[in-house]
Structure formats: structure tokens, C-alpha cells
């Protein structure tokens, strides 16, 4: 069995804005626009941006974040489901999870693990790979997903 190593990293867009936070094996699509960070930085990634050299991160100056709302790192199961229902996405979640099964053994396992996470989680964490994947499957950008978490936290 191949050894895997969980890596704490963030991804960034062409403007240097961070658009994701991960604790996982590096995803192939992230190579070339990712920066390895410590756990504290990864957990508070919305407060950072990539530096000019794209080899580290820097805090976003307070003058640029005054109006920024903090994205909760997690919301309860009830909050997540209510927010998805209000925004019209709840009925699309299980079909999106089912689409993870691409007919391979790995696809079937991914689907099964995703269903367990969806059905049994007491809270949903913003940086979890399943949350990010479901957001993408629902047509949500990273900003849209942040907004959904902000909204869910108000419920």
C-alpha cells in the first residue's frame, strides 16, 4: 500500500486571492496554484492572500477587510440543511453524491463514504473535501459556498 501524507495547503486564483483550504493529499488539479501552510493559517485562510511571488501567504490588511464577514468554519447539520432548502439546493445534494459513482470500485466507495458523511455528520466543515465537491456539483463558486455558510450560521 502506498504511503500518503496529509498536507495542509491553500489554493489561489490568478489574482492571488485564496480560493480553497485543504488538509489532504495534494490534489493533482491544485499543483501549480497552491501554497503549503500551517494549520492555523489553513483554518483562517479567508484572512490571507498569496504573496506576490506566490510562494507564501500574507495577511490581508485590515483596511481591505473592514467589510469582510467571517466565514464560519463549520455549521450544524440543521443549519446546513435549512440553508440548502431555503436556497433551493437540498433536493440536488443526494443526486450530486450519487454522481460520484463512476462505475469503478473507487467511485462506488467515494459515493458510499460521501453518503455516510452527508447522512451522519452532526456538523459540516467548510474546508472538507465533500463540502467543496458538493458545492462545485451544485454550481457554487468558492465565494457562493462561503456565502451559504455565512447564511447557514444565521439560522
N, C-alpha and C. Protein backbone atom coordinates (compact mmCIF):
# COMPACT_ATOMS: atom_id res chain seq x y z
N UNK A 1 0.85 -1.18 0.00
CA UNK A 1 0.00 0.00 0.00
C UNK A 1 0.88 1.24 0.00
N UNK A 2 0.55 2.19 -0.82
CA UNK A 2 1.34 3.41 -0.95
C UNK A 2 1.11 4.32 0.26
N UNK A 3 2.18 4.87 0.83
CA UNK A 3 2.05 5.81 1.94
C UNK A 3 1.48 7.12 1.42
N UNK A 4 0.57 7.69 2.17
CA UNK A 4 0.04 9.00 1.83
C UNK A 4 0.36 9.95 2.96
N UNK A 5 0.48 11.21 2.62
CA UNK A 5 0.80 12.21 3.62
C UNK A 5 -0.19 13.35 3.48
N UNK A 6 -0.90 13.64 4.56
CA UNK A 6 -1.83 14.75 4.56
C UNK A 6 -1.03 16.05 4.54
N UNK A 7 -1.41 16.94 3.67
CA UNK A 7 -0.72 18.21 3.53
C UNK A 7 -1.71 19.33 3.81
N UNK A 8 -1.29 20.30 4.59
CA UNK A 8 -2.10 21.48 4.87
C UNK A 8 -1.72 22.54 3.84
N UNK A 9 -2.68 22.92 2.98
CA UNK A 9 -2.35 23.90 1.95
C UNK A 9 -3.57 24.70 1.55
N UNK A 10 -3.31 25.81 0.87
CA UNK A 10 -4.36 26.66 0.30
C UNK A 10 -4.13 26.77 -1.19
N UNK A 11 -5.19 27.08 -1.91
CA UNK A 11 -5.07 27.32 -3.34
C UNK A 11 -5.42 28.77 -3.61
N UNK A 12 -4.94 29.27 -4.74
CA UNK A 12 -5.18 30.68 -5.07
C UNK A 12 -5.54 30.82 -6.55
N UNK A 13 -6.23 31.94 -6.85
CA UNK A 13 -6.61 32.22 -8.24
C UNK A 13 -5.55 33.09 -8.90
N UNK A 14 -5.79 33.50 -10.13
CA UNK A 14 -4.80 34.27 -10.90
C UNK A 14 -4.49 35.63 -10.28
N UNK A 15 -5.39 36.14 -9.44
CA UNK A 15 -5.16 37.43 -8.77
C UNK A 15 -4.48 37.26 -7.41
N UNK A 16 -4.25 36.02 -7.00
CA UNK A 16 -3.62 35.78 -5.71
C UNK A 16 -4.61 35.65 -4.57
N UNK A 17 -5.91 35.70 -4.88
CA UNK A 17 -6.92 35.51 -3.86
C UNK A 17 -7.01 34.03 -3.52
N UNK A 18 -7.01 33.72 -2.23
CA UNK A 18 -7.13 32.32 -1.84
C UNK A 18 -8.55 31.86 -2.14
N UNK A 19 -8.67 30.65 -2.71
CA UNK A 19 -9.99 30.15 -3.06
C UNK A 19 -10.26 28.76 -2.53
N UNK A 20 -9.41 28.27 -1.64
CA UNK A 20 -9.65 26.98 -1.03
C UNK A 20 -8.65 26.67 0.05
N UNK A 21 -9.05 25.81 0.97
CA UNK A 21 -8.23 25.41 2.10
C UNK A 21 -8.37 23.90 2.24
N UNK A 22 -7.25 23.18 2.34
CA UNK A 22 -7.29 21.73 2.30
C UNK A 22 -6.35 21.11 3.31
N UNK A 23 -6.76 19.97 3.83
CA UNK A 23 -5.90 19.10 4.62
C UNK A 23 -6.11 17.72 4.03
N UNK A 24 -5.26 17.38 3.08
CA UNK A 24 -5.42 16.13 2.32
C UNK A 24 -4.16 15.87 1.52
N UNK A 25 -4.14 14.74 0.83
CA UNK A 25 -3.10 14.53 -0.16
C UNK A 25 -3.29 15.61 -1.21
N UNK A 26 -2.23 16.14 -1.76
CA UNK A 26 -2.35 17.21 -2.75
C UNK A 26 -3.11 16.69 -3.96
N UNK A 27 -4.17 17.39 -4.30
CA UNK A 27 -4.97 17.03 -5.47
C UNK A 27 -4.21 17.48 -6.72
N UNK A 28 -4.19 16.63 -7.72
CA UNK A 28 -3.44 16.90 -8.95
C UNK A 28 -3.80 18.26 -9.56
N UNK A 29 -5.08 18.63 -9.52
CA UNK A 29 -5.52 19.90 -10.11
C UNK A 29 -5.01 21.12 -9.35
N UNK A 30 -4.53 20.92 -8.12
CA UNK A 30 -4.07 22.05 -7.31
C UNK A 30 -2.59 22.37 -7.54
N UNK A 31 -1.85 21.43 -8.12
CA UNK A 31 -0.43 21.65 -8.34
C UNK A 31 -0.25 22.84 -9.27
N UNK A 32 0.60 23.77 -8.87
CA UNK A 32 0.85 24.96 -9.67
C UNK A 32 0.13 26.19 -9.17
N UNK A 33 -0.86 26.01 -8.29
CA UNK A 33 -1.53 27.16 -7.71
C UNK A 33 -1.94 26.85 -6.27
N UNK A 34 -0.95 26.34 -5.54
CA UNK A 34 -1.15 26.00 -4.13
C UNK A 34 0.06 26.44 -3.31
N UNK A 35 -0.17 26.66 -2.02
CA UNK A 35 0.89 27.04 -1.10
C UNK A 35 0.70 26.21 0.17
N UNK A 36 1.75 25.54 0.61
CA UNK A 36 1.70 24.78 1.84
C UNK A 36 1.73 25.77 3.01
N UNK A 37 0.81 25.58 3.96
CA UNK A 37 0.69 26.49 5.11
C UNK A 37 0.55 25.67 6.39
N UNK A 38 0.71 26.35 7.53
CA UNK A 38 0.50 25.67 8.80
C UNK A 38 -1.00 25.57 9.08
N UNK A 39 -1.34 24.79 10.08
CA UNK A 39 -2.75 24.52 10.40
C UNK A 39 -3.52 25.80 10.75
N UNK A 40 -2.90 26.68 11.52
CA UNK A 40 -3.58 27.92 11.91
C UNK A 40 -3.90 28.77 10.68
N UNK A 41 -2.96 28.91 9.79
CA UNK A 41 -3.20 29.69 8.57
C UNK A 41 -4.28 29.03 7.73
N UNK A 42 -4.22 27.70 7.59
CA UNK A 42 -5.23 26.99 6.80
C UNK A 42 -6.62 27.20 7.40
N UNK A 43 -6.72 27.15 8.71
CA UNK A 43 -8.02 27.32 9.36
C UNK A 43 -8.58 28.73 9.20
N UNK A 44 -7.70 29.72 9.03
CA UNK A 44 -8.13 31.11 8.90
C UNK A 44 -7.80 31.66 7.52
N UNK A 45 -7.82 30.83 6.52
CA UNK A 45 -7.36 31.17 5.18
C UNK A 45 -8.09 32.35 4.57
N UNK A 46 -9.32 32.65 4.97
CA UNK A 46 -10.05 33.77 4.38
C UNK A 46 -9.42 35.11 4.73
N UNK A 47 -8.53 35.12 5.70
CA UNK A 47 -7.87 36.36 6.11
C UNK A 47 -6.54 36.58 5.40
N UNK A 48 -6.21 35.71 4.45
CA UNK A 48 -4.92 35.77 3.77
C UNK A 48 -5.09 35.85 2.25
N UNK A 49 -4.00 36.19 1.59
CA UNK A 49 -3.91 36.12 0.14
C UNK A 49 -2.50 35.65 -0.19
N UNK A 50 -2.31 35.18 -1.40
CA UNK A 50 -0.98 34.76 -1.82
C UNK A 50 -0.09 35.98 -1.94
N UNK A 51 1.17 35.83 -1.58
CA UNK A 51 2.10 36.95 -1.75
C UNK A 51 2.44 37.11 -3.23
N UNK A 52 3.16 38.17 -3.56
CA UNK A 52 3.46 38.48 -4.97
C UNK A 52 4.24 37.36 -5.65
N UNK A 53 5.12 36.69 -4.92
CA UNK A 53 5.92 35.61 -5.50
C UNK A 53 5.14 34.29 -5.58
N UNK A 54 3.97 34.24 -4.96
CA UNK A 54 3.13 33.04 -4.92
C UNK A 54 3.83 31.86 -4.25
N UNK A 55 4.71 32.20 -3.29
CA UNK A 55 5.39 31.13 -2.56
C UNK A 55 5.09 31.19 -1.06
N UNK A 56 4.15 32.03 -0.69
CA UNK A 56 3.73 32.18 0.70
C UNK A 56 2.45 32.99 0.74
N UNK A 57 1.95 33.21 1.95
CA UNK A 57 0.73 33.99 2.11
C UNK A 57 1.03 35.21 2.96
N UNK A 58 0.16 36.20 2.84
CA UNK A 58 0.27 37.40 3.66
C UNK A 58 -1.13 37.76 4.14
N UNK A 59 -1.17 38.35 5.32
CA UNK A 59 -2.46 38.80 5.86
C UNK A 59 -3.03 39.89 4.97
N UNK A 60 -4.32 39.83 4.76
CA UNK A 60 -4.99 40.91 4.04
C UNK A 60 -5.05 42.09 5.01
N UNK A 61 -4.60 43.27 4.60
CA UNK A 61 -4.61 44.43 5.51
C UNK A 61 -6.02 44.72 6.02
N UNK A 62 -6.10 45.12 7.28
CA UNK A 62 -7.39 45.41 7.90
C UNK A 62 -8.20 46.42 7.09
N UNK A 63 -7.52 47.37 6.47
CA UNK A 63 -8.23 48.38 5.67
C UNK A 63 -8.98 47.76 4.50
N UNK A 64 -8.57 46.58 4.06
CA UNK A 64 -9.24 45.89 2.96
C UNK A 64 -10.27 44.88 3.45
N UNK A 65 -10.31 44.62 4.75
CA UNK A 65 -11.21 43.59 5.26
C UNK A 65 -12.27 44.15 6.20
N UNK A 66 -12.38 45.45 6.32
CA UNK A 66 -13.34 46.04 7.25
C UNK A 66 -14.74 45.51 7.02
N UNK A 67 -15.15 45.43 5.78
CA UNK A 67 -16.50 44.98 5.47
C UNK A 67 -16.59 43.46 5.32
N UNK A 68 -15.46 42.77 5.46
CA UNK A 68 -15.45 41.33 5.27
C UNK A 68 -16.15 40.63 6.42
N UNK A 69 -17.04 39.72 6.08
CA UNK A 69 -17.72 38.91 7.07
C UNK A 69 -16.93 37.62 7.22
N UNK A 70 -16.75 37.18 8.44
CA UNK A 70 -16.00 35.96 8.68
C UNK A 70 -16.85 34.76 8.29
N UNK A 71 -16.27 33.89 7.51
CA UNK A 71 -16.96 32.67 7.09
C UNK A 71 -16.79 31.65 8.20
N UNK A 72 -17.90 31.12 8.72
CA UNK A 72 -17.77 30.12 9.79
C UNK A 72 -17.06 28.87 9.26
N UNK A 73 -16.22 28.29 10.10
CA UNK A 73 -15.50 27.08 9.68
C UNK A 73 -16.41 25.87 9.65
N UNK A 74 -17.51 25.95 10.40
CA UNK A 74 -18.48 24.86 10.36
C UNK A 74 -19.86 25.37 10.77
N UNK A 75 -20.88 24.63 10.33
CA UNK A 75 -22.26 24.90 10.73
C UNK A 75 -22.87 23.56 11.13
N UNK A 76 -23.94 23.62 11.90
CA UNK A 76 -24.58 22.38 12.32
C UNK A 76 -25.29 21.73 11.14
N UNK A 77 -25.61 20.49 11.31
CA UNK A 77 -26.35 19.74 10.28
C UNK A 77 -27.67 20.46 9.98
N UNK A 78 -28.38 20.86 11.03
CA UNK A 78 -29.67 21.54 10.85
C UNK A 78 -29.47 22.83 10.06
N UNK A 79 -28.49 23.63 10.45
CA UNK A 79 -28.25 24.89 9.74
C UNK A 79 -27.93 24.65 8.27
N UNK A 80 -27.09 23.67 8.00
CA UNK A 80 -26.70 23.38 6.61
C UNK A 80 -27.91 22.95 5.80
N UNK A 81 -28.69 22.02 6.33
CA UNK A 81 -29.85 21.51 5.59
C UNK A 81 -30.90 22.60 5.38
N UNK A 82 -31.13 23.43 6.41
CA UNK A 82 -32.10 24.52 6.25
C UNK A 82 -31.63 25.53 5.21
N UNK A 83 -30.35 25.88 5.25
CA UNK A 83 -29.82 26.84 4.28
C UNK A 83 -29.93 26.28 2.86
N UNK A 84 -29.60 25.01 2.69
CA UNK A 84 -29.71 24.39 1.37
C UNK A 84 -31.16 24.36 0.90
N UNK A 85 -32.10 24.10 1.82
CA UNK A 85 -33.52 24.08 1.46
C UNK A 85 -34.00 25.47 1.06
N UNK A 86 -33.65 26.47 1.84
CA UNK A 86 -34.08 27.84 1.57
C UNK A 86 -33.52 28.33 0.23
N UNK A 87 -32.29 27.96 -0.05
CA UNK A 87 -31.64 28.41 -1.29
C UNK A 87 -31.96 27.52 -2.49
N UNK A 88 -32.75 26.45 -2.26
CA UNK A 88 -33.19 25.61 -3.36
C UNK A 88 -32.21 24.54 -3.80
N UNK A 89 -31.28 24.16 -2.94
CA UNK A 89 -30.27 23.17 -3.32
C UNK A 89 -30.45 21.81 -2.64
N UNK A 90 -31.27 21.72 -1.62
CA UNK A 90 -31.33 20.49 -0.81
C UNK A 90 -31.66 19.26 -1.65
N UNK A 91 -32.61 19.35 -2.55
CA UNK A 91 -33.01 18.20 -3.36
C UNK A 91 -31.92 17.75 -4.33
N UNK A 92 -30.93 18.60 -4.56
CA UNK A 92 -29.86 18.27 -5.51
C UNK A 92 -28.67 17.57 -4.85
N UNK A 93 -28.63 17.53 -3.52
CA UNK A 93 -27.46 17.01 -2.82
C UNK A 93 -27.28 15.50 -3.06
N UNK A 94 -28.30 14.70 -2.82
CA UNK A 94 -28.15 13.25 -2.98
C UNK A 94 -27.85 12.88 -4.43
N UNK A 95 -28.53 13.48 -5.43
CA UNK A 95 -28.13 13.17 -6.81
C UNK A 95 -26.67 13.55 -7.09
N UNK A 96 -26.19 14.64 -6.50
CA UNK A 96 -24.79 15.02 -6.68
C UNK A 96 -23.86 13.97 -6.06
N UNK A 97 -24.23 13.47 -4.90
CA UNK A 97 -23.44 12.41 -4.26
C UNK A 97 -23.48 11.15 -5.11
N UNK A 98 -24.66 10.80 -5.62
CA UNK A 98 -24.79 9.60 -6.45
C UNK A 98 -23.92 9.69 -7.70
N UNK A 99 -23.70 10.89 -8.19
CA UNK A 99 -22.89 11.06 -9.40
C UNK A 99 -21.40 10.76 -9.16
N UNK A 100 -21.01 10.63 -7.90
CA UNK A 100 -19.62 10.30 -7.59
C UNK A 100 -19.29 8.87 -8.00
N UNK A 101 -20.32 8.03 -8.13
CA UNK A 101 -20.11 6.63 -8.54
C UNK A 101 -19.97 6.60 -10.06
N UNK A 102 -18.74 6.47 -10.52
CA UNK A 102 -18.47 6.47 -11.95
C UNK A 102 -18.37 5.05 -12.52
N UNK A 103 -18.87 4.07 -11.76
CA UNK A 103 -18.85 2.69 -12.24
C UNK A 103 -17.61 1.91 -11.83
N UNK A 104 -16.66 2.60 -11.21
CA UNK A 104 -15.45 1.92 -10.75
C UNK A 104 -15.61 1.57 -9.27
N UNK A 105 -14.74 0.71 -8.80
CA UNK A 105 -14.75 0.36 -7.37
C UNK A 105 -14.47 1.60 -6.53
N UNK A 106 -13.52 2.41 -6.98
CA UNK A 106 -13.18 3.64 -6.24
C UNK A 106 -14.36 4.61 -6.25
N UNK A 107 -15.04 4.72 -7.38
CA UNK A 107 -16.20 5.60 -7.47
C UNK A 107 -17.32 5.15 -6.55
N UNK A 108 -17.55 3.85 -6.48
CA UNK A 108 -18.59 3.32 -5.59
C UNK A 108 -18.24 3.59 -4.13
N UNK A 109 -16.96 3.45 -3.79
CA UNK A 109 -16.52 3.73 -2.43
C UNK A 109 -16.64 5.22 -2.12
N UNK A 110 -16.24 6.07 -3.05
CA UNK A 110 -16.39 7.52 -2.84
C UNK A 110 -17.83 7.89 -2.58
N UNK A 111 -18.74 7.32 -3.35
CA UNK A 111 -20.17 7.59 -3.17
C UNK A 111 -20.62 7.12 -1.79
N UNK A 112 -20.23 5.90 -1.41
CA UNK A 112 -20.64 5.36 -0.12
C UNK A 112 -20.12 6.21 1.03
N UNK A 113 -18.85 6.60 0.97
CA UNK A 113 -18.27 7.44 2.02
C UNK A 113 -18.95 8.81 2.07
N UNK A 114 -19.25 9.37 0.90
CA UNK A 114 -19.92 10.67 0.85
C UNK A 114 -21.33 10.57 1.44
N UNK A 115 -22.05 9.51 1.13
CA UNK A 115 -23.40 9.34 1.71
C UNK A 115 -23.34 9.22 3.23
N UNK A 116 -22.36 8.48 3.72
CA UNK A 116 -22.20 8.36 5.18
C UNK A 116 -21.94 9.74 5.78
N UNK A 117 -21.04 10.50 5.16
CA UNK A 117 -20.73 11.83 5.69
C UNK A 117 -21.96 12.72 5.64
N UNK A 118 -22.70 12.70 4.55
CA UNK A 118 -23.89 13.54 4.40
C UNK A 118 -24.97 13.14 5.41
N UNK A 119 -25.19 11.84 5.57
CA UNK A 119 -26.28 11.36 6.43
C UNK A 119 -25.95 11.37 7.91
N UNK A 120 -24.67 11.24 8.27
CA UNK A 120 -24.31 11.04 9.67
C UNK A 120 -23.55 12.19 10.32
N UNK A 121 -23.14 13.19 9.58
CA UNK A 121 -22.40 14.29 10.18
C UNK A 121 -23.30 15.14 11.07
N UNK A 122 -22.78 15.53 12.21
CA UNK A 122 -23.51 16.43 13.10
C UNK A 122 -23.23 17.88 12.74
N UNK A 123 -22.12 18.09 12.05
CA UNK A 123 -21.74 19.43 11.59
C UNK A 123 -21.05 19.28 10.25
N UNK A 124 -21.09 20.35 9.47
CA UNK A 124 -20.43 20.37 8.17
C UNK A 124 -19.34 21.43 8.20
N UNK A 125 -18.12 21.01 7.87
CA UNK A 125 -16.96 21.89 7.90
C UNK A 125 -16.71 22.46 6.52
N UNK A 126 -16.47 23.77 6.45
CA UNK A 126 -16.32 24.48 5.17
C UNK A 126 -15.18 23.91 4.32
N UNK A 127 -14.10 23.46 4.94
CA UNK A 127 -12.93 23.02 4.19
C UNK A 127 -12.92 21.53 3.84
N UNK A 128 -13.95 20.79 4.23
CA UNK A 128 -13.98 19.35 3.95
C UNK A 128 -14.08 19.11 2.45
N UNK A 129 -13.34 18.14 1.95
CA UNK A 129 -13.39 17.83 0.51
C UNK A 129 -14.80 17.56 0.00
N UNK A 130 -15.64 16.87 0.80
CA UNK A 130 -17.00 16.60 0.35
C UNK A 130 -17.79 17.89 0.19
N UNK A 131 -17.65 18.81 1.13
CA UNK A 131 -18.37 20.08 1.05
C UNK A 131 -17.95 20.85 -0.20
N UNK A 132 -16.67 20.88 -0.45
CA UNK A 132 -16.15 21.58 -1.63
C UNK A 132 -16.64 20.91 -2.91
N UNK A 133 -16.59 19.57 -2.94
CA UNK A 133 -17.06 18.84 -4.12
C UNK A 133 -18.54 19.04 -4.36
N UNK A 134 -19.33 18.99 -3.29
CA UNK A 134 -20.77 19.19 -3.44
C UNK A 134 -21.06 20.61 -3.89
N UNK A 135 -20.34 21.57 -3.36
CA UNK A 135 -20.52 22.96 -3.80
C UNK A 135 -20.29 23.08 -5.30
N UNK A 136 -19.22 22.48 -5.77
CA UNK A 136 -18.91 22.50 -7.20
C UNK A 136 -20.01 21.81 -8.00
N UNK A 137 -20.45 20.64 -7.52
CA UNK A 137 -21.50 19.89 -8.21
C UNK A 137 -22.82 20.67 -8.26
N UNK A 138 -23.04 21.51 -7.26
CA UNK A 138 -24.26 22.33 -7.22
C UNK A 138 -24.11 23.63 -8.00
N UNK A 139 -22.93 23.83 -8.60
CA UNK A 139 -22.68 25.03 -9.39
C UNK A 139 -22.30 26.23 -8.56
N UNK A 140 -21.82 25.99 -7.34
CA UNK A 140 -21.45 27.09 -6.44
C UNK A 140 -19.95 27.37 -6.54
N UNK A 141 -19.60 28.63 -6.66
CA UNK A 141 -18.20 29.03 -6.60
C UNK A 141 -17.76 28.99 -5.14
N UNK A 142 -16.48 29.17 -4.91
CA UNK A 142 -15.96 29.22 -3.55
C UNK A 142 -16.63 30.36 -2.77
N UNK A 143 -16.81 31.50 -3.42
CA UNK A 143 -17.48 32.65 -2.79
C UNK A 143 -18.93 32.33 -2.47
N UNK A 144 -19.61 31.64 -3.40
CA UNK A 144 -21.00 31.24 -3.17
C UNK A 144 -21.10 30.30 -1.97
N UNK A 145 -20.15 29.38 -1.88
CA UNK A 145 -20.16 28.43 -0.76
C UNK A 145 -19.90 29.16 0.55
N UNK A 146 -18.98 30.12 0.53
CA UNK A 146 -18.75 30.95 1.73
C UNK A 146 -20.04 31.65 2.14
N UNK A 147 -20.74 32.22 1.18
CA UNK A 147 -21.99 32.93 1.45
C UNK A 147 -23.04 31.99 2.02
N UNK A 148 -23.08 30.76 1.51
CA UNK A 148 -24.02 29.77 2.02
C UNK A 148 -23.71 29.45 3.48
N UNK A 149 -22.42 29.31 3.81
CA UNK A 149 -22.05 29.05 5.20
C UNK A 149 -22.38 30.24 6.10
N UNK A 150 -22.14 31.45 5.61
CA UNK A 150 -22.48 32.65 6.39
C UNK A 150 -23.98 32.69 6.66
N UNK A 151 -24.76 32.42 5.61
CA UNK A 151 -26.22 32.40 5.75
C UNK A 151 -26.66 31.30 6.72
N UNK A 152 -26.10 30.11 6.55
CA UNK A 152 -26.49 28.98 7.41
C UNK A 152 -26.24 29.29 8.89
N UNK A 153 -25.16 30.00 9.18
CA UNK A 153 -24.84 30.32 10.57
C UNK A 153 -25.86 31.25 11.21
N UNK A 154 -26.68 31.92 10.40
CA UNK A 154 -27.71 32.82 10.94
C UNK A 154 -29.00 32.08 11.29
N UNK A 155 -29.11 30.84 10.88
CA UNK A 155 -30.36 30.09 11.08
C UNK A 155 -30.40 29.38 12.41
